[in-house]
Each structure stands twice: as structure tokens, then as C-alpha cells.
Amino acid sequence: MSLPEGTEPVALTFDCCGGPGGDTLDEALVKALRGSGTAATFFLAGRWVEANPALTEELAADPLFEIANHGTAHQPLSVSGASAYGIAGTTDAAAVYDEIMGAQKLIEERTGATPTFFRSGTAHLDDVSAEIARSLGLLVVNFNRNGDDGGTLPAPSVSDRLVGMEPGDILLARSNRPSGGTAAGVTAALPVLRERGMSFARLSDVLPTEAEQD
């Protein structure tokens, strides 16, 4: 998935997965974004929000950033229990609803804002689950550039992937793996991208919400 044809900015999106995927925030990454005035969208899982209420409020209060829904327990969405990357998916439509709306409620309660964008755990979901998300007023957002392979890549590899971005790309990277190379790689790549004339946008700046599409 990329941004609509003709879109000039790129969208940097960062997942905070929580649980075994990491319950912290990569402060160096956030500092690099703020220091360079770079807009970004943070997809927060409900379990991460519960572990980091103050950080959730801090990210939501920054006008450079916006908060999106990354599911309650970071599960792949399925109505048949299909798994992805060894993580068991939701088992039926009711579980899909709970995975979406549990996080939606937690984010609303903590920030006072209602997310309009959704990415499932592992970014995997079936067609029925996607339709359920849409019926709940959320736009499912995936990506077309994987920036850090789940926070496992060293900084030079992350930088190379970002430098290769083109206008309209949606980048996915992790913002809850401070031990990885994501922050250093992003920090190195941002000035190179700006020298190329690249600009950065939050998803809400360049994508219509479901309500706007109807």
C-alpha cells in the first residue's frame, strides 16, 4: 500500500507493539523526529498504551505526530484463527471486533482523540476483518517500505532503506526497539532525504478517512 498517486510527501509510520515485541519507546528516534521537525504517525497497540500511559499522552500532544490503532493485543486479524509470523490470529468476527475496539477505547480514554487509521498486529488481516475495520469507521493502512524488519536491522541498513524511498511511500518501522538500529538509521537518512527535496506527512494529511471516502 502506498499513498494516492501524485502524493509528494512520504509517510513515516512507527509501530509500538507492546508485550514481547517491546514495551518501551525509542526515545532517540522520537528526539530525531522532533529535532528535525519530521511528521510521523505512531500505531499504538492497546497493551503498549496500558504499559505507557504518560508516553501515550506525550506523543498524542505533539502536533508533529498522530496516534493510530495497532490492535489491542497485537494479533493478526482473522475470522478463522490464521497466524502470521508465529503469532496466533483472532478466531472469529467477535474477536476481530474486540481486537480493534479494545485498543480504540484505550487510546480514546488516554488521549481524548479517536484514531481513524488501523494497522493489525504483524500488518496481516483477511478480507472479512478488513471489512469489519472499515464498518467501524477505520481506514486500514499497511505499507510498501519496510524500514527495519521489525527493529532487527543495523543502522546502516535502516538508513539505506529510507534513502531509497520515493514520493508517496509509506514506511513501516518499529518505535519500541531502542536496542536496534532504527533510531540511528532514521537520524542518518532524514537529512539525505531532505536534500533530495523529500517532505514528510502524517497519514491524516495525505489520506482520506473512511468517513471522507463515503
Foldseek 3Di string as FASTA:
>chain_A
DWFPPPFFAEAEEAEDQDDPLFLAFQVLQVCLCVVVVFAYEYAYAQNSCVSCLPVLQVQCPDPSYHYAHAWHNLAAAEQCQDHDPPGTHDNHPVSLCCRGVVSQVSSCVRHVDGHQEYAGRVSHYDPVSCVVCLVVFHHYDDFDFEQCVSQAAAQVSSLVSLLPDGRRGYYYYHRRRNVGHNSNNCSVNVVSCVVVVHGYDYCVVRPDGSVVVD
